[in-house]
Each structure stands twice: as C-alpha cells, then as structure tokens.
C-alpha cells in the first residue's frame, strides 16, 4: 500500500477502462451523453443490455472455439480407433489362418474369439467401475 502521490510518481496515470453512468433513462440524457462523448472516437457508449450482449457474444465465441477443438479431438480419436481396429483385423486374420492350418476347427476358433471378447469386456467393466466413483465424487464436491 502506497500513497497516490508515490504511485503516480512511479507509474503513468492510466485512463479508466470503463465508466458506468446511471441515468434516468430518458432519451434526452442519453443523447446528451452521446453528443458529449462524440469527439472521442475511442469511447464507446453502450446501454446495460448492449454491454450484457457484448459479454455474452464474447463468451459464446470462446465456447465455439472450444467446441470446434473438441470436435477435432473426437475426429482424431475416431481415426486412431479405426486405424487400430484395421491393424488388429489384419493380424487376427493371419493368426486365425495359422490356427486353422494347424488343425483348429471353425467352432473352436469362434469359441476362442468369444471367450477373449468376454474376458476383455469383464476387465474393462471392472476397471471402469472402479475408477468411476472416484471421478464422480471428485466432481460432485465442486
């Protein structure tokens, strides 16, 4: 905390960023304010509704950017998932061909693939359900 004289001696005086003026709402007062500030091109006169709308539009613009980035991230994730599945299909085709060549029957191959799918689904459900309560409780406290 310093005195205003000390502050002004070390830092240049800055013009105010905003000036709020309460009027009685008549058009004569509004026109007088606008005409008094007309020589200053860097000053913008807004009503409360116009100011609120300007703030809302700025926030909507930022949200639009966030939504666009989120959509791009989802698109990249989908391309990665498709790529991984394509590679696994090529590898599994060769693996299944080898198992069939060694002597495994079609029914045995189907049973093996189903059992692997069930095991992976169970592991995914266990891992997902064990981490979900911690995530939900962390966000519910906010």
C-alpha atoms as a PDB file:
ATOM      1  CA  UNK A   1       0.000   0.000   0.000  1.00  0.00           C
ATOM      2  CA  UNK A   2       1.434   3.333  -1.080  1.00  0.00           C
ATOM      3  CA  UNK A   3       0.089   6.823  -1.341  1.00  0.00           C
ATOM      4  CA  UNK A   4      -1.419   8.012  -4.604  1.00  0.00           C
ATOM      5  CA  UNK A   5       1.347  10.639  -4.971  1.00  0.00           C
ATOM      6  CA  UNK A   6       4.043   7.943  -4.735  1.00  0.00           C
ATOM      7  CA  UNK A   7       2.166   5.688  -7.140  1.00  0.00           C
ATOM      8  CA  UNK A   8       1.650   8.460  -9.724  1.00  0.00           C
ATOM      9  CA  UNK A   9       5.318   9.482  -9.476  1.00  0.00           C
ATOM     10  CA  UNK A  10       6.435   5.969 -10.451  1.00  0.00           C
ATOM     11  CA  UNK A  11       3.655   4.876 -12.803  1.00  0.00           C
ATOM     12  CA  UNK A  12       1.888   6.852 -15.527  1.00  0.00           C
ATOM     13  CA  UNK A  13      -1.772   7.610 -14.986  1.00  0.00           C
ATOM     14  CA  UNK A  14      -3.968   5.217 -16.937  1.00  0.00           C
ATOM     15  CA  UNK A  15      -7.337   6.252 -18.304  1.00  0.00           C
ATOM     16  CA  UNK A  16     -10.235   4.311 -16.841  1.00  0.00           C
ATOM     17  CA  UNK A  17     -11.161   1.099 -18.655  1.00  0.00           C
ATOM     18  CA  UNK A  18     -14.860   1.662 -18.156  1.00  0.00           C
ATOM     19  CA  UNK A  19     -17.130   4.331 -16.747  1.00  0.00           C
ATOM     20  CA  UNK A  20     -20.553   3.361 -15.523  1.00  0.00           C
ATOM     21  CA  UNK A  21     -23.156   6.109 -15.551  1.00  0.00           C
ATOM     22  CA  UNK A  22     -26.646   5.778 -14.141  1.00  0.00           C
ATOM     23  CA  UNK A  23     -29.247   7.963 -15.807  1.00  0.00           C
ATOM     24  CA  UNK A  24     -32.987   8.269 -15.535  1.00  0.00           C
ATOM     25  CA  UNK A  25     -33.338   6.510 -18.894  1.00  0.00           C
ATOM     26  CA  UNK A  26     -34.681   9.440 -20.873  1.00  0.00           C
ATOM     27  CA  UNK A  27     -33.599   9.810 -24.467  1.00  0.00           C
ATOM     28  CA  UNK A  28     -32.576  13.441 -23.875  1.00  0.00           C
ATOM     29  CA  UNK A  29     -29.965  12.385 -21.301  1.00  0.00           C
ATOM     30  CA  UNK A  30     -28.774   9.538 -23.493  1.00  0.00           C
ATOM     31  CA  UNK A  31     -28.419  11.866 -26.476  1.00  0.00           C
ATOM     32  CA  UNK A  32     -26.568  14.411 -24.323  1.00  0.00           C
ATOM     33  CA  UNK A  33     -24.078  11.768 -23.175  1.00  0.00           C
ATOM     34  CA  UNK A  34     -23.555  10.531 -26.730  1.00  0.00           C
ATOM     35  CA  UNK A  35     -23.055  14.057 -28.081  1.00  0.00           C
ATOM     36  CA  UNK A  36     -20.667  14.951 -25.229  1.00  0.00           C
ATOM     37  CA  UNK A  37     -18.529  11.908 -25.999  1.00  0.00           C
ATOM     38  CA  UNK A  38     -18.707  12.258 -29.789  1.00  0.00           C
ATOM     39  CA  UNK A  39     -15.274  13.980 -30.057  1.00  0.00           C
ATOM     40  CA  UNK A  40     -13.631  10.911 -28.522  1.00  0.00           C
ATOM     41  CA  UNK A  41     -13.574   8.131 -31.147  1.00  0.00           C
ATOM     42  CA  UNK A  42     -12.068   5.578 -28.759  1.00  0.00           C
ATOM     43  CA  UNK A  43     -15.008   5.875 -26.328  1.00  0.00           C
ATOM     44  CA  UNK A  44     -17.944   3.567 -26.837  1.00  0.00           C
ATOM     45  CA  UNK A  45     -21.362   4.299 -25.336  1.00  0.00           C
ATOM     46  CA  UNK A  46     -23.488   1.251 -24.532  1.00  0.00           C
ATOM     47  CA  UNK A  47     -26.637   0.602 -22.609  1.00  0.00           C
ATOM     48  CA  UNK A  48     -26.661  -2.124 -19.995  1.00  0.00           C
ATOM     49  CA  UNK A  49     -28.395  -4.504 -22.402  1.00  0.00           C
ATOM     50  CA  UNK A  50     -25.804  -3.805 -25.116  1.00  0.00           C
ATOM     51  CA  UNK A  51     -22.963  -4.371 -22.657  1.00  0.00           C
ATOM     52  CA  UNK A  52     -24.509  -7.653 -21.483  1.00  0.00           C
ATOM     53  CA  UNK A  53     -24.966  -8.758 -25.093  1.00  0.00           C
ATOM     54  CA  UNK A  54     -21.334  -7.909 -25.903  1.00  0.00           C
ATOM     55  CA  UNK A  55     -20.136 -10.022 -22.971  1.00  0.00           C
ATOM     56  CA  UNK A  56     -22.404 -12.916 -23.927  1.00  0.00           C
ATOM     57  CA  UNK A  57     -21.191 -12.835 -27.531  1.00  0.00           C
ATOM     58  CA  UNK A  58     -17.548 -12.872 -26.380  1.00  0.00           C
ATOM     59  CA  UNK A  59     -18.193 -15.916 -24.187  1.00  0.00           C
ATOM     60  CA  UNK A  60     -20.125 -17.628 -26.998  1.00  0.00           C
ATOM     61  CA  UNK A  61     -17.187 -17.060 -29.328  1.00  0.00           C
ATOM     62  CA  UNK A  62     -14.787 -18.728 -26.874  1.00  0.00           C
ATOM     63  CA  UNK A  63     -17.227 -21.610 -26.374  1.00  0.00           C
ATOM     64  CA  UNK A  64     -17.489 -22.043 -30.138  1.00  0.00           C
ATOM     65  CA  UNK A  65     -13.714 -22.338 -30.339  1.00  0.00           C
ATOM     66  CA  UNK A  66     -13.683 -24.904 -27.518  1.00  0.00           C
ATOM     67  CA  UNK A  67     -16.435 -26.913 -29.249  1.00  0.00           C
ATOM     68  CA  UNK A  68     -14.509 -26.845 -32.533  1.00  0.00           C
ATOM     69  CA  UNK A  69     -11.359 -28.081 -30.818  1.00  0.00           C
ATOM     70  CA  UNK A  70     -13.340 -30.780 -29.031  1.00  0.00           C
ATOM     71  CA  UNK A  71     -14.854 -31.938 -32.320  1.00  0.00           C
ATOM     72  CA  UNK A  72     -11.379 -32.047 -33.856  1.00  0.00           C
ATOM     73  CA  UNK A  73     -10.105 -34.128 -30.926  1.00  0.00           C
ATOM     74  CA  UNK A  74     -13.001 -36.572 -31.307  1.00  0.00           C
ATOM     75  CA  UNK A  75     -12.337 -36.845 -35.048  1.00  0.00           C
ATOM     76  CA  UNK A  76      -8.656 -37.619 -34.428  1.00  0.00           C
ATOM     77  CA  UNK A  77      -9.614 -40.207 -31.793  1.00  0.00           C
ATOM     78  CA  UNK A  78     -12.028 -41.893 -34.207  1.00  0.00           C
ATOM     79  CA  UNK A  79      -9.339 -42.077 -36.890  1.00  0.00           C
ATOM     80  CA  UNK A  80      -6.983 -43.653 -34.349  1.00  0.00           C
ATOM     81  CA  UNK A  81      -9.591 -46.206 -33.302  1.00  0.00           C
ATOM     82  CA  UNK A  82     -10.334 -47.172 -36.912  1.00  0.00           C
ATOM     83  CA  UNK A  83      -6.622 -47.486 -37.621  1.00  0.00           C
ATOM     84  CA  UNK A  84      -6.090 -49.731 -34.590  1.00  0.00           C
ATOM     85  CA  UNK A  85      -9.043 -51.926 -35.482  1.00  0.00           C
ATOM     86  CA  UNK A  86      -7.866 -52.284 -39.071  1.00  0.00           C
ATOM     87  CA  UNK A  87      -4.415 -53.356 -37.932  1.00  0.00           C
ATOM     88  CA  UNK A  88      -5.840 -55.835 -35.433  1.00  0.00           C
ATOM     89  CA  UNK A  89      -8.119 -57.343 -38.104  1.00  0.00           C
ATOM     90  CA  UNK A  90      -5.140 -57.906 -40.426  1.00  0.00           C
ATOM     91  CA  UNK A  91      -3.128 -59.502 -37.621  1.00  0.00           C
ATOM     92  CA  UNK A  92      -6.036 -61.655 -36.406  1.00  0.00           C
ATOM     93  CA  UNK A  93      -6.716 -62.878 -39.947  1.00  0.00           C
ATOM     94  CA  UNK A  94      -3.206 -64.297 -40.177  1.00  0.00           C
ATOM     95  CA  UNK A  95      -3.412 -65.708 -36.641  1.00  0.00           C
ATOM     96  CA  UNK A  96      -6.733 -67.425 -37.330  1.00  0.00           C
ATOM     97  CA  UNK A  97      -5.401 -68.761 -40.636  1.00  0.00           C
ATOM     98  CA  UNK A  98      -2.402 -70.221 -38.826  1.00  0.00           C
ATOM     99  CA  UNK A  99      -4.598 -71.811 -36.149  1.00  0.00           C
ATOM    100  CA  UNK A 100      -6.862 -73.305 -38.826  1.00  0.00           C
ATOM    101  CA  UNK A 101      -3.811 -74.613 -40.708  1.00  0.00           C
ATOM    102  CA  UNK A 102      -2.511 -76.258 -37.530  1.00  0.00           C
ATOM    103  CA  UNK A 103      -5.820 -78.059 -37.053  1.00  0.00           C
ATOM    104  CA  UNK A 104      -8.242 -75.910 -35.088  1.00  0.00           C
ATOM    105  CA  UNK A 105     -11.851 -76.202 -36.190  1.00  0.00           C
ATOM    106  CA  UNK A 106     -14.137 -73.249 -37.011  1.00  0.00           C
ATOM    107  CA  UNK A 107     -16.196 -73.817 -33.886  1.00  0.00           C
ATOM    108  CA  UNK A 108     -13.065 -73.766 -31.733  1.00  0.00           C
ATOM    109  CA  UNK A 109     -11.932 -70.503 -33.353  1.00  0.00           C
ATOM    110  CA  UNK A 110     -15.336 -68.890 -32.711  1.00  0.00           C
ATOM    111  CA  UNK A 111     -15.288 -70.087 -29.086  1.00  0.00           C
ATOM    112  CA  UNK A 112     -11.767 -68.706 -28.602  1.00  0.00           C
ATOM    113  CA  UNK A 113     -12.704 -65.280 -30.032  1.00  0.00           C
ATOM    114  CA  UNK A 114     -15.898 -65.104 -27.953  1.00  0.00           C
ATOM    115  CA  UNK A 115     -14.062 -66.036 -24.747  1.00  0.00           C
ATOM    116  CA  UNK A 116     -11.394 -63.376 -25.419  1.00  0.00           C
ATOM    117  CA  UNK A 117     -14.133 -60.796 -26.007  1.00  0.00           C
ATOM    118  CA  UNK A 118     -15.885 -61.728 -22.749  1.00  0.00           C
ATOM    119  CA  UNK A 119     -12.628 -61.550 -20.787  1.00  0.00           C
ATOM    120  CA  UNK A 120     -11.782 -58.119 -22.228  1.00  0.00           C
ATOM    121  CA  UNK A 121     -15.311 -56.860 -21.523  1.00  0.00           C
ATOM    122  CA  UNK A 122     -15.112 -58.024 -17.900  1.00  0.00           C
ATOM    123  CA  UNK A 123     -11.709 -56.386 -17.398  1.00  0.00           C
ATOM    124  CA  UNK A 124     -12.993 -53.163 -18.961  1.00  0.00           C
ATOM    125  CA  UNK A 125     -16.097 -53.169 -16.764  1.00  0.00           C
ATOM    126  CA  UNK A 126     -14.032 -53.778 -13.615  1.00  0.00           C
ATOM    127  CA  UNK A 127     -11.528 -51.045 -14.429  1.00  0.00           C
ATOM    128  CA  UNK A 128     -14.277 -48.623 -15.490  1.00  0.00           C
ATOM    129  CA  UNK A 129     -16.441 -49.236 -12.432  1.00  0.00           C
ATOM    130  CA  UNK A 130     -13.518 -48.996 -10.007  1.00  0.00           C
ATOM    131  CA  UNK A 131     -12.401 -45.594 -11.334  1.00  0.00           C
ATOM    132  CA  UNK A 132     -15.874 -44.091 -11.879  1.00  0.00           C
ATOM    133  CA  UNK A 133     -16.802 -43.480  -8.212  1.00  0.00           C
ATOM    134  CA  UNK A 134     -13.579 -41.557  -7.572  1.00  0.00           C
ATOM    135  CA  UNK A 135     -14.224 -39.408 -10.613  1.00  0.00           C
ATOM    136  CA  UNK A 136     -17.867 -38.826  -9.718  1.00  0.00           C
ATOM    137  CA  UNK A 137     -17.133 -37.961  -6.093  1.00  0.00           C
ATOM    138  CA  UNK A 138     -14.381 -35.517  -7.086  1.00  0.00           C
ATOM    139  CA  UNK A 139     -16.765 -33.586  -9.367  1.00  0.00           C
ATOM    140  CA  UNK A 140     -19.769 -33.736  -7.039  1.00  0.00           C
ATOM    141  CA  UNK A 141     -17.901 -31.764  -4.351  1.00  0.00           C
ATOM    142  CA  UNK A 142     -17.405 -28.728  -6.601  1.00  0.00           C
END
